[in-house]
Amino acid sequence: MLRLWLPVAAWAGLIFALSSIPDLGTGLGGWDLLLRKLAHGAEYAILGALLVRATHKARLAVALGVLYAVSDEVHQAFVHGRHGSPVDVAIDAVGVACGVLLWQRTRARSLA
């Protein structure tokens, strides 16, 4: 049990810690927005893969990942210099779904 859920908790903790940083700007101008949105998707893809690994249920993993994304955006609304965004929840949800699908495909190939 610990082997399955400790990575989920650790990754969720990392996401929380990053969300607590007031300004994550890269200083790259127009590229900054793109890089931050790609990072959102990637960090939630990893969370989605870890969740489906732990739960063995794709729908549950997606639901838990999206709920965490919502809670993360609420958290950011209380961090000075940050704000919560429904667009970020949508990006995170796509990331979670991609992570779940990639995990499932990787597992299917390894079992074949």
N, C-alpha and C. Protein backbone atom coordinates (compact mmCIF):
# COMPACT_ATOMS: atom_id res chain seq x y z
N MET A 1 0.82 -1.20 0.00
CA MET A 1 0.00 0.00 0.00
C MET A 1 0.87 1.27 0.00
N LEU A 2 1.85 1.29 0.89
CA LEU A 2 2.75 2.44 0.98
C LEU A 2 3.52 2.63 -0.32
N ARG A 3 3.91 1.52 -0.95
CA ARG A 3 4.65 1.56 -2.21
C ARG A 3 3.82 2.22 -3.31
N LEU A 4 2.50 2.09 -3.26
CA LEU A 4 1.62 2.68 -4.27
C LEU A 4 1.28 4.14 -3.97
N TRP A 5 1.06 4.46 -2.71
CA TRP A 5 0.53 5.79 -2.37
C TRP A 5 1.59 6.81 -1.95
N LEU A 6 2.75 6.36 -1.50
CA LEU A 6 3.79 7.31 -1.12
C LEU A 6 4.23 8.18 -2.31
N PRO A 7 4.44 7.61 -3.51
CA PRO A 7 4.78 8.48 -4.65
C PRO A 7 3.69 9.49 -4.99
N VAL A 8 2.43 9.10 -4.85
CA VAL A 8 1.31 10.03 -5.09
C VAL A 8 1.39 11.19 -4.10
N ALA A 9 1.55 10.85 -2.83
CA ALA A 9 1.60 11.89 -1.79
C ALA A 9 2.82 12.79 -1.98
N ALA A 10 3.96 12.21 -2.32
CA ALA A 10 5.16 13.01 -2.52
C ALA A 10 5.00 13.96 -3.71
N TRP A 11 4.43 13.45 -4.82
CA TRP A 11 4.24 14.31 -6.00
C TRP A 11 3.22 15.41 -5.72
N ALA A 12 2.12 15.05 -5.03
CA ALA A 12 1.12 16.06 -4.67
C ALA A 12 1.75 17.12 -3.76
N GLY A 13 2.63 16.69 -2.87
CA GLY A 13 3.33 17.64 -2.00
C GLY A 13 4.24 18.58 -2.79
N LEU A 14 4.90 18.05 -3.80
CA LEU A 14 5.74 18.89 -4.66
C LEU A 14 4.89 19.92 -5.40
N ILE A 15 3.76 19.48 -5.94
CA ILE A 15 2.84 20.41 -6.62
C ILE A 15 2.40 21.50 -5.65
N PHE A 16 2.05 21.11 -4.43
CA PHE A 16 1.62 22.08 -3.42
C PHE A 16 2.74 23.07 -3.13
N ALA A 17 3.95 22.57 -2.98
CA ALA A 17 5.10 23.44 -2.68
C ALA A 17 5.33 24.43 -3.82
N LEU A 18 5.28 23.95 -5.05
CA LEU A 18 5.47 24.85 -6.19
C LEU A 18 4.36 25.89 -6.27
N SER A 19 3.15 25.50 -5.90
CA SER A 19 2.03 26.43 -5.92
C SER A 19 2.12 27.48 -4.83
N SER A 20 2.98 27.25 -3.86
CA SER A 20 3.14 28.19 -2.75
C SER A 20 4.16 29.29 -3.07
N ILE A 21 4.87 29.13 -4.18
CA ILE A 21 5.88 30.12 -4.56
C ILE A 21 5.16 31.31 -5.21
N PRO A 22 5.39 32.51 -4.70
CA PRO A 22 4.65 33.67 -5.20
C PRO A 22 4.82 33.96 -6.69
N ASP A 23 6.01 33.78 -7.24
CA ASP A 23 6.21 34.13 -8.64
C ASP A 23 7.11 33.09 -9.29
N LEU A 24 6.57 32.38 -10.28
CA LEU A 24 7.35 31.37 -10.98
C LEU A 24 7.71 31.83 -12.39
N GLY A 25 7.73 33.13 -12.62
CA GLY A 25 8.06 33.65 -13.94
C GLY A 25 9.48 33.27 -14.35
N THR A 26 9.65 32.99 -15.63
CA THR A 26 10.96 32.60 -16.14
C THR A 26 11.75 33.78 -16.69
N GLY A 27 11.07 34.89 -16.92
CA GLY A 27 11.74 36.03 -17.51
C GLY A 27 11.95 35.90 -19.01
N LEU A 28 11.24 34.98 -19.63
CA LEU A 28 11.40 34.73 -21.06
C LEU A 28 10.31 35.39 -21.90
N GLY A 29 9.67 36.38 -21.36
CA GLY A 29 8.66 37.12 -22.12
C GLY A 29 7.48 36.25 -22.52
N GLY A 30 7.17 36.26 -23.81
CA GLY A 30 6.02 35.52 -24.33
C GLY A 30 6.12 34.01 -24.14
N TRP A 31 7.35 33.51 -24.08
CA TRP A 31 7.54 32.08 -23.87
C TRP A 31 7.16 31.66 -22.45
N ASP A 32 7.18 32.61 -21.52
CA ASP A 32 6.89 32.31 -20.12
C ASP A 32 5.53 31.64 -19.96
N LEU A 33 4.51 32.21 -20.57
CA LEU A 33 3.17 31.65 -20.45
C LEU A 33 3.12 30.23 -20.99
N LEU A 34 3.67 30.02 -22.17
CA LEU A 34 3.67 28.69 -22.77
C LEU A 34 4.41 27.68 -21.89
N LEU A 35 5.56 28.05 -21.38
CA LEU A 35 6.33 27.15 -20.52
C LEU A 35 5.57 26.79 -19.24
N ARG A 36 4.93 27.78 -18.64
CA ARG A 36 4.18 27.51 -17.41
C ARG A 36 2.99 26.59 -17.67
N LYS A 37 2.30 26.77 -18.79
CA LYS A 37 1.15 25.91 -19.11
C LYS A 37 1.60 24.49 -19.44
N LEU A 38 2.73 24.37 -20.15
CA LEU A 38 3.28 23.03 -20.42
C LEU A 38 3.70 22.35 -19.12
N ALA A 39 4.26 23.12 -18.20
CA ALA A 39 4.64 22.56 -16.90
C ALA A 39 3.42 22.07 -16.14
N HIS A 40 2.33 22.85 -16.19
CA HIS A 40 1.08 22.41 -15.56
C HIS A 40 0.67 21.05 -16.10
N GLY A 41 0.60 20.95 -17.41
CA GLY A 41 0.18 19.69 -18.04
C GLY A 41 1.09 18.53 -17.67
N ALA A 42 2.39 18.77 -17.69
CA ALA A 42 3.36 17.71 -17.40
C ALA A 42 3.29 17.26 -15.94
N GLU A 43 3.20 18.20 -15.02
CA GLU A 43 3.17 17.79 -13.61
C GLU A 43 1.90 17.02 -13.29
N TYR A 44 0.80 17.37 -13.94
CA TYR A 44 -0.45 16.64 -13.71
C TYR A 44 -0.51 15.34 -14.49
N ALA A 45 0.23 15.22 -15.60
CA ALA A 45 0.33 13.93 -16.30
C ALA A 45 1.03 12.92 -15.40
N ILE A 46 2.08 13.37 -14.73
CA ILE A 46 2.78 12.49 -13.79
C ILE A 46 1.85 12.10 -12.65
N LEU A 47 1.10 13.07 -12.11
CA LEU A 47 0.15 12.77 -11.05
C LEU A 47 -0.89 11.75 -11.54
N GLY A 48 -1.40 11.93 -12.75
CA GLY A 48 -2.38 10.98 -13.29
C GLY A 48 -1.82 9.58 -13.40
N ALA A 49 -0.58 9.46 -13.88
CA ALA A 49 0.05 8.13 -13.98
C ALA A 49 0.22 7.51 -12.60
N LEU A 50 0.66 8.30 -11.65
CA LEU A 50 0.83 7.77 -10.29
C LEU A 50 -0.51 7.36 -9.67
N LEU A 51 -1.55 8.14 -9.95
CA LEU A 51 -2.87 7.81 -9.39
C LEU A 51 -3.44 6.53 -9.99
N VAL A 52 -3.31 6.35 -11.31
CA VAL A 52 -3.85 5.12 -11.91
C VAL A 52 -3.01 3.92 -11.48
N ARG A 53 -1.73 4.14 -11.26
CA ARG A 53 -0.87 3.06 -10.74
C ARG A 53 -1.35 2.63 -9.35
N ALA A 54 -1.74 3.61 -8.54
CA ALA A 54 -2.17 3.32 -7.16
C ALA A 54 -3.59 2.76 -7.08
N THR A 55 -4.48 3.29 -7.92
CA THR A 55 -5.90 2.89 -7.81
C THR A 55 -6.28 1.74 -8.74
N HIS A 56 -5.55 1.57 -9.83
CA HIS A 56 -5.87 0.58 -10.86
C HIS A 56 -7.21 0.86 -11.54
N LYS A 57 -7.69 2.10 -11.41
CA LYS A 57 -8.98 2.49 -12.01
C LYS A 57 -8.82 3.85 -12.67
N ALA A 58 -8.95 3.86 -13.99
CA ALA A 58 -8.70 5.08 -14.76
C ALA A 58 -9.64 6.21 -14.37
N ARG A 59 -10.93 5.92 -14.31
CA ARG A 59 -11.89 6.99 -13.99
C ARG A 59 -11.66 7.57 -12.61
N LEU A 60 -11.38 6.71 -11.66
CA LEU A 60 -11.10 7.18 -10.30
C LEU A 60 -9.83 8.04 -10.29
N ALA A 61 -8.82 7.60 -11.00
CA ALA A 61 -7.56 8.35 -11.07
C ALA A 61 -7.79 9.73 -11.67
N VAL A 62 -8.57 9.80 -12.75
CA VAL A 62 -8.85 11.09 -13.37
C VAL A 62 -9.65 11.97 -12.41
N ALA A 63 -10.65 11.40 -11.77
CA ALA A 63 -11.47 12.18 -10.83
C ALA A 63 -10.62 12.73 -9.68
N LEU A 64 -9.77 11.88 -9.11
CA LEU A 64 -8.92 12.34 -8.01
C LEU A 64 -7.94 13.41 -8.48
N GLY A 65 -7.39 13.23 -9.66
CA GLY A 65 -6.45 14.21 -10.20
C GLY A 65 -7.09 15.55 -10.45
N VAL A 66 -8.30 15.53 -11.00
CA VAL A 66 -9.01 16.79 -11.27
C VAL A 66 -9.41 17.47 -9.95
N LEU A 67 -9.84 16.68 -8.99
CA LEU A 67 -10.16 17.26 -7.68
C LEU A 67 -8.92 17.92 -7.06
N TYR A 68 -7.78 17.27 -7.21
CA TYR A 68 -6.55 17.88 -6.68
C TYR A 68 -6.22 19.16 -7.44
N ALA A 69 -6.45 19.16 -8.74
CA ALA A 69 -6.20 20.37 -9.54
C ALA A 69 -7.07 21.53 -9.06
N VAL A 70 -8.34 21.24 -8.79
CA VAL A 70 -9.24 22.27 -8.27
C VAL A 70 -8.73 22.79 -6.93
N SER A 71 -8.36 21.87 -6.05
CA SER A 71 -7.86 22.29 -4.73
C SER A 71 -6.57 23.10 -4.86
N ASP A 72 -5.74 22.75 -5.83
CA ASP A 72 -4.49 23.49 -6.06
C ASP A 72 -4.78 24.91 -6.52
N GLU A 73 -5.75 25.09 -7.38
CA GLU A 73 -6.09 26.44 -7.84
C GLU A 73 -6.72 27.26 -6.72
N VAL A 74 -7.50 26.63 -5.86
CA VAL A 74 -8.04 27.34 -4.69
C VAL A 74 -6.88 27.76 -3.79
N HIS A 75 -5.95 26.85 -3.57
CA HIS A 75 -4.77 27.16 -2.77
C HIS A 75 -4.03 28.36 -3.35
N GLN A 76 -3.81 28.38 -4.66
CA GLN A 76 -3.09 29.47 -5.31
C GLN A 76 -3.80 30.82 -5.15
N ALA A 77 -5.12 30.78 -5.02
CA ALA A 77 -5.89 32.02 -4.85
C ALA A 77 -5.51 32.72 -3.55
N PHE A 78 -4.92 31.98 -2.61
CA PHE A 78 -4.53 32.56 -1.32
C PHE A 78 -3.04 32.85 -1.23
N VAL A 79 -2.30 32.60 -2.31
CA VAL A 79 -0.86 32.86 -2.32
C VAL A 79 -0.63 34.22 -2.98
N HIS A 80 0.05 35.11 -2.26
CA HIS A 80 0.34 36.45 -2.79
C HIS A 80 1.10 36.33 -4.11
N GLY A 81 0.63 37.02 -5.12
CA GLY A 81 1.27 36.99 -6.43
C GLY A 81 0.78 35.89 -7.34
N ARG A 82 -0.11 35.03 -6.86
CA ARG A 82 -0.67 33.95 -7.67
C ARG A 82 -2.18 34.15 -7.73
N HIS A 83 -2.83 33.40 -8.59
CA HIS A 83 -4.29 33.42 -8.66
C HIS A 83 -4.76 32.06 -9.15
N GLY A 84 -5.97 31.71 -8.75
CA GLY A 84 -6.58 30.47 -9.21
C GLY A 84 -7.20 30.69 -10.58
N SER A 85 -7.11 29.67 -11.44
CA SER A 85 -7.61 29.83 -12.80
C SER A 85 -8.35 28.58 -13.27
N PRO A 86 -9.60 28.75 -13.72
CA PRO A 86 -10.31 27.61 -14.31
C PRO A 86 -9.61 27.07 -15.55
N VAL A 87 -8.91 27.92 -16.28
CA VAL A 87 -8.16 27.46 -17.45
C VAL A 87 -7.05 26.49 -17.01
N ASP A 88 -6.40 26.81 -15.90
CA ASP A 88 -5.36 25.92 -15.39
C ASP A 88 -5.94 24.58 -14.95
N VAL A 89 -7.14 24.59 -14.37
CA VAL A 89 -7.79 23.33 -14.00
C VAL A 89 -8.03 22.50 -15.27
N ALA A 90 -8.46 23.13 -16.33
CA ALA A 90 -8.69 22.40 -17.58
C ALA A 90 -7.39 21.83 -18.14
N ILE A 91 -6.32 22.62 -18.10
CA ILE A 91 -5.01 22.14 -18.55
C ILE A 91 -4.55 20.98 -17.68
N ASP A 92 -4.74 21.11 -16.38
CA ASP A 92 -4.35 20.04 -15.46
C ASP A 92 -5.17 18.78 -15.73
N ALA A 93 -6.46 18.94 -16.00
CA ALA A 93 -7.32 17.79 -16.28
C ALA A 93 -6.86 17.05 -17.53
N VAL A 94 -6.49 17.79 -18.55
CA VAL A 94 -5.96 17.17 -19.77
C VAL A 94 -4.66 16.44 -19.44
N GLY A 95 -3.82 17.06 -18.64
CA GLY A 95 -2.58 16.42 -18.21
C GLY A 95 -2.83 15.13 -17.46
N VAL A 96 -3.77 15.14 -16.53
CA VAL A 96 -4.12 13.93 -15.77
C VAL A 96 -4.58 12.83 -16.72
N ALA A 97 -5.49 13.17 -17.62
CA ALA A 97 -6.01 12.18 -18.56
C ALA A 97 -4.90 11.61 -19.44
N CYS A 98 -4.00 12.45 -19.90
CA CYS A 98 -2.86 11.98 -20.72
C CYS A 98 -1.97 11.05 -19.92
N GLY A 99 -1.70 11.41 -18.68
CA GLY A 99 -0.88 10.55 -17.83
C GLY A 99 -1.51 9.19 -17.59
N VAL A 100 -2.82 9.18 -17.36
CA VAL A 100 -3.54 7.92 -17.16
C VAL A 100 -3.46 7.07 -18.43
N LEU A 101 -3.72 7.68 -19.58
CA LEU A 101 -3.67 6.94 -20.84
C LEU A 101 -2.27 6.41 -21.13
N LEU A 102 -1.26 7.23 -20.92
CA LEU A 102 0.11 6.78 -21.16
C LEU A 102 0.50 5.63 -20.24
N TRP A 103 0.09 5.72 -18.98
CA TRP A 103 0.37 4.62 -18.04
C TRP A 103 -0.31 3.34 -18.49
N GLN A 104 -1.57 3.45 -18.88
CA GLN A 104 -2.31 2.27 -19.32
C GLN A 104 -1.67 1.65 -20.57
N ARG A 105 -1.28 2.47 -21.52
CA ARG A 105 -0.65 1.96 -22.74
C ARG A 105 0.69 1.30 -22.43
N THR A 106 1.45 1.92 -21.56
CA THR A 106 2.74 1.35 -21.19
C THR A 106 2.56 0.02 -20.50
N ARG A 107 1.59 -0.06 -19.62
CA ARG A 107 1.30 -1.33 -18.90
C ARG A 107 0.81 -2.40 -19.86
N ALA A 108 -0.06 -2.01 -20.80
CA ALA A 108 -0.60 -2.97 -21.78
C ALA A 108 0.53 -3.55 -22.64
N ARG A 109 1.46 -2.71 -23.03
CA ARG A 109 2.59 -3.17 -23.85
C ARG A 109 3.50 -4.09 -23.05
N SER A 110 3.72 -3.77 -21.78
CA SER A 110 4.62 -4.60 -20.97
C SER A 110 3.99 -5.95 -20.64
N LEU A 111 2.66 -6.02 -20.65
CA LEU A 111 1.99 -7.30 -20.37
C LEU A 111 1.81 -8.15 -21.63
N ALA A 112 1.95 -7.53 -22.79
CA ALA A 112 1.75 -8.25 -24.05
C ALA A 112 2.96 -9.07 -24.42
